[in-house]
PDB file of N, CA and C in Angstrom:
ATOM      1  N   MET A   1    -119.658 123.701  10.023  1.00  0.00           N
ATOM      2  CA  MET A   1    -120.581 123.186   8.525  1.00  0.00           C
ATOM      3  C   MET A   1    -119.641 122.849   7.635  1.00  0.00           C
ATOM      4  N   GLY A   2    -120.552 122.031   6.905  1.00  0.00           N
ATOM      5  CA  GLY A   2    -119.958 121.911   5.691  1.00  0.00           C
ATOM      6  C   GLY A   2    -119.857 122.795   4.509  1.00  0.00           C
ATOM      7  N   VAL A   3    -120.381 122.047   2.946  1.00  0.00           N
ATOM      8  CA  VAL A   3    -119.959 122.670   1.697  1.00  0.00           C
ATOM      9  C   VAL A   3    -121.786 122.738   1.665  1.00  0.00           C
ATOM     10  N   ARG A   4    -122.164 123.638   0.804  1.00  0.00           N
ATOM     11  CA  ARG A   4    -124.157 123.455   0.498  1.00  0.00           C
ATOM     12  C   ARG A   4    -124.285 122.503  -0.822  1.00  0.00           C
ATOM     13  N   ALA A   5    -124.363 121.784  -1.109  1.00  0.00           N
ATOM     14  CA  ALA A   5    -124.091 121.223  -2.832  1.00  0.00           C
ATOM     15  C   ALA A   5    -125.694 120.891  -2.990  1.00  0.00           C
ATOM     16  N   THR A   6    -126.263 121.308  -4.089  1.00  0.00           N
ATOM     17  CA  THR A   6    -127.245 121.122  -5.051  1.00  0.00           C
ATOM     18  C   THR A   6    -127.161 119.255  -5.805  1.00  0.00           C
ATOM     19  N   ILE A   7    -127.584 118.360  -5.994  1.00  0.00           N
ATOM     20  CA  ILE A   7    -127.546 117.226  -6.635  1.00  0.00           C
ATOM     21  C   ILE A   7    -128.651 116.614  -7.243  1.00  0.00           C
ATOM     22  N   VAL A   8    -129.212 115.826  -8.249  1.00  0.00           N
ATOM     23  CA  VAL A   8    -130.457 115.244  -8.597  1.00  0.00           C
ATOM     24  C   VAL A   8    -129.740 114.329  -8.294  1.00  0.00           C
ATOM     25  N   MET A   9    -130.763 113.231  -7.683  1.00  0.00           N
ATOM     26  CA  MET A   9    -130.501 111.957  -7.528  1.00  0.00           C
ATOM     27  C   MET A   9    -132.632 110.942  -8.073  1.00  0.00           C
ATOM     28  N   ASP A  10    -131.676 110.036  -8.737  1.00  0.00           N
ATOM     29  CA  ASP A  10    -133.113 109.433  -8.707  1.00  0.00           C
ATOM     30  C   ASP A  10    -133.572 108.907  -8.055  1.00  0.00           C
ATOM     31  N   GLU A  11    -134.793 108.583  -7.870  1.00  0.00           N
ATOM     32  CA  GLU A  11    -136.174 107.937  -6.964  1.00  0.00           C
ATOM     33  C   GLU A  11    -135.832 107.224  -5.793  1.00  0.00           C
ATOM     34  N   ASP A  12    -135.261 105.989  -6.875  1.00  0.00           N
ATOM     35  CA  ASP A  12    -135.403 104.698  -6.266  1.00  0.00           C
ATOM     36  C   ASP A  12    -133.678 104.730  -5.689  1.00  0.00           C
ATOM     37  N   ILE A  13    -133.200 105.335  -5.344  1.00  0.00           N
ATOM     38  CA  ILE A  13    -131.561 106.126  -4.473  1.00  0.00           C
ATOM     39  C   ILE A  13    -132.361 106.927  -3.006  1.00  0.00           C
ATOM     40  N   VAL A  14    -132.979 108.054  -3.447  1.00  0.00           N
ATOM     41  CA  VAL A  14    -133.603 108.607  -2.387  1.00  0.00           C
ATOM     42  C   VAL A  14    -134.206 107.857  -1.663  1.00  0.00           C
ATOM     43  N   LYS A  15    -135.582 107.088  -2.054  1.00  0.00           N
ATOM     44  CA  LYS A  15    -135.501 105.943  -1.192  1.00  0.00           C
ATOM     45  C   LYS A  15    -135.053 104.750  -0.177  1.00  0.00           C
ATOM     46  N   LYS A  16    -133.784 103.855  -0.512  1.00  0.00           N
ATOM     47  CA  LYS A  16    -133.305 103.549  -0.329  1.00  0.00           C
ATOM     48  C   LYS A  16    -132.633 104.457   1.053  1.00  0.00           C
ATOM     49  N   ILE A  17    -131.804 105.748   0.880  1.00  0.00           N
ATOM     50  CA  ILE A  17    -131.445 105.876   1.777  1.00  0.00           C
ATOM     51  C   ILE A  17    -132.644 106.685   2.911  1.00  0.00           C
ATOM     52  N   ARG A  18    -133.797 107.083   2.779  1.00  0.00           N
ATOM     53  CA  ARG A  18    -134.379 107.188   3.386  1.00  0.00           C
ATOM     54  C   ARG A  18    -135.365 106.156   3.872  1.00  0.00           C
ATOM     55  N   VAL A  19    -134.985 104.879   3.990  1.00  0.00           N
ATOM     56  CA  VAL A  19    -135.163 103.645   4.911  1.00  0.00           C
ATOM     57  C   VAL A  19    -133.801 103.083   5.582  1.00  0.00           C
ATOM     58  N   ILE A  20    -132.839 103.936   5.648  1.00  0.00           N
ATOM     59  CA  ILE A  20    -131.445 103.895   6.632  1.00  0.00           C
ATOM     60  C   ILE A  20    -131.588 105.235   6.830  1.00  0.00           C
ATOM     61  N   GLN A  21    -132.590 106.567   6.823  1.00  0.00           N
ATOM     62  CA  GLN A  21    -132.881 107.300   7.820  1.00  0.00           C
ATOM     63  C   GLN A  21    -133.828 106.735   9.005  1.00  0.00           C
ATOM     64  N   ALA A  22    -134.659 106.112   8.473  1.00  0.00           N
ATOM     65  CA  ALA A  22    -135.743 105.545   9.334  1.00  0.00           C
ATOM     66  C   ALA A  22    -134.857 104.422  10.666  1.00  0.00           C
ATOM     67  N   LYS A  23    -133.855 103.744   9.890  1.00  0.00           N
ATOM     68  CA  LYS A  23    -133.757 102.399  10.622  1.00  0.00           C
ATOM     69  C   LYS A  23    -132.890 103.293  11.980  1.00  0.00           C
ATOM     70  N   ARG A  24    -131.651 104.297  11.365  1.00  0.00           N
ATOM     71  CA  ARG A  24    -131.372 105.028  12.244  1.00  0.00           C
ATOM     72  C   ARG A  24    -131.847 105.775  13.164  1.00  0.00           C
ATOM     73  N   ILE A  25    -132.964 106.734  13.048  1.00  0.00           N
ATOM     74  CA  ILE A  25    -134.285 107.122  13.965  1.00  0.00           C
ATOM     75  C   ILE A  25    -134.435 105.668  15.083  1.00  0.00           C
ATOM     76  N   SER A  26    -135.390 104.823  14.454  1.00  0.00           N
ATOM     77  CA  SER A  26    -135.481 104.169  14.810  1.00  0.00           C
ATOM     78  C   SER A  26    -134.097 103.078  16.850  1.00  0.00           C
ATOM     79  N   ALA A  27    -132.892 103.058  15.467  1.00  0.00           N
ATOM     80  CA  ALA A  27    -131.978 102.691  16.291  1.00  0.00           C
ATOM     81  C   ALA A  27    -131.100 103.363  17.704  1.00  0.00           C
ATOM     82  N   GLU A  28    -131.820 104.785  17.177  1.00  0.00           N
ATOM     83  CA  GLU A  28    -130.556 105.864  17.712  1.00  0.00           C
ATOM     84  C   GLU A  28    -132.317 106.285  18.553  1.00  0.00           C
ATOM     85  N   GLN A  29    -133.076 106.635  18.314  1.00  0.00           N
ATOM     86  CA  GLN A  29    -134.106 107.358  19.384  1.00  0.00           C
ATOM     87  C   GLN A  29    -133.694 108.879  19.437  1.00  0.00           C
ATOM     88  N   LYS A  30    -133.027 109.452  17.718  1.00  0.00           N
ATOM     89  CA  LYS A  30    -132.542 110.703  18.035  1.00  0.00           C
ATOM     90  C   LYS A  30    -132.906 111.084  16.496  1.00  0.00           C
ATOM     91  N   SER A  31    -133.267 112.340  16.310  1.00  0.00           N
ATOM     92  CA  SER A  31    -133.217 112.378  14.268  1.00  0.00           C
ATOM     93  C   SER A  31    -132.012 112.143  14.109  1.00  0.00           C
ATOM     94  N   VAL A  32    -131.970 112.261  13.057  1.00  0.00           N
ATOM     95  CA  VAL A  32    -130.581 111.680  12.019  1.00  0.00           C
ATOM     96  C   VAL A  32    -131.359 112.255  10.786  1.00  0.00           C
ATOM     97  N   SER A  33    -130.736 113.443  10.540  1.00  0.00           N
ATOM     98  CA  SER A  33    -131.285 114.311   8.755  1.00  0.00           C
ATOM     99  C   SER A  33    -130.770 113.108   7.840  1.00  0.00           C
ATOM    100  N   PHE A  34    -131.908 113.564   6.087  1.00  0.00           N
ATOM    101  CA  PHE A  34    -130.925 112.861   5.390  1.00  0.00           C
ATOM    102  C   PHE A  34    -129.734 112.933   4.738  1.00  0.00           C
ATOM    103  N   SER A  35    -128.944 114.796   5.268  1.00  0.00           N
ATOM    104  CA  SER A  35    -127.971 114.832   5.556  1.00  0.00           C
ATOM    105  C   SER A  35    -126.600 114.089   5.894  1.00  0.00           C
ATOM    106  N   GLU A  36    -126.734 113.866   6.885  1.00  0.00           N
ATOM    107  CA  GLU A  36    -125.582 113.043   7.733  1.00  0.00           C
ATOM    108  C   GLU A  36    -125.590 111.783   7.396  1.00  0.00           C
ATOM    109  N   VAL A  37    -127.618 111.212   6.623  1.00  0.00           N
ATOM    110  CA  VAL A  37    -127.102 109.556   6.425  1.00  0.00           C
ATOM    111  C   VAL A  37    -126.500 109.510   4.834  1.00  0.00           C
ATOM    112  N   VAL A  38    -126.341 110.652   4.278  1.00  0.00           N
ATOM    113  CA  VAL A  38    -125.455 110.786   2.685  1.00  0.00           C
ATOM    114  C   VAL A  38    -124.548 110.966   2.988  1.00  0.00           C
ATOM    115  N   ASN A  39    -124.130 111.544   3.513  1.00  0.00           N
ATOM    116  CA  ASN A  39    -122.435 111.637   4.243  1.00  0.00           C
ATOM    117  C   ASN A  39    -121.761 110.762   4.896  1.00  0.00           C
ATOM    118  N   ASP A  40    -122.539 110.346   5.402  1.00  0.00           N
ATOM    119  CA  ASP A  40    -122.032 108.354   6.424  1.00  0.00           C
ATOM    120  C   ASP A  40    -121.407 107.611   4.873  1.00  0.00           C
ATOM    121  N   LEU A  41    -122.974 107.627   4.181  1.00  0.00           N
ATOM    122  CA  LEU A  41    -122.197 106.707   2.901  1.00  0.00           C
ATOM    123  C   LEU A  41    -120.887 106.758   2.202  1.00  0.00           C
ATOM    124  N   LEU A  42    -121.354 108.329   1.864  1.00  0.00           N
ATOM    125  CA  LEU A  42    -119.692 108.591   0.865  1.00  0.00           C
ATOM    126  C   LEU A  42    -118.771 108.738   2.128  1.00  0.00           C
ATOM    127  N   ARG A  43    -118.463 108.719   2.541  1.00  0.00           N
ATOM    128  CA  ARG A  43    -117.798 108.634   3.304  1.00  0.00           C
ATOM    129  C   ARG A  43    -117.248 106.854   3.820  1.00  0.00           C
ATOM    130  N   LYS A  44    -118.092 106.200   4.605  1.00  0.00           N
ATOM    131  CA  LYS A  44    -118.280 104.853   3.805  1.00  0.00           C
ATOM    132  C   LYS A  44    -117.363 104.013   2.371  1.00  0.00           C
ATOM    133  N   GLU A  45    -117.835 104.792   1.251  1.00  0.00           N
ATOM    134  CA  GLU A  45    -117.647 104.501  -0.029  1.00  0.00           C
ATOM    135  C   GLU A  45    -116.493 105.068  -0.164  1.00  0.00           C
ATOM    136  N   PHE A  46    -115.948 106.668   0.271  1.00  0.00           N
ATOM    137  CA  PHE A  46    -114.560 106.868   0.043  1.00  0.00           C
ATOM    138  C   PHE A  46    -112.901 106.407   0.686  1.00  0.00           C
ATOM    139  N   LYS A  47    -113.439 105.144   1.645  1.00  0.00           N
ATOM    140  CA  LYS A  47    -112.117 104.731   2.252  1.00  0.00           C
ATOM    141  C   LYS A  47    -111.623 104.058   1.215  1.00  0.00           C
TER     142      LYS A  47
END
């Protein structure tokens, strides 16, 4: 389990993350959490 962190995001960023989440849910046919999408995006950015 990861570290719990509270952050404030602009609404436009949240909407973009939700779009990515919806696409992954459709593609993978399983539940994908908002946190999972955020973590994946951060991992890609920090590589």
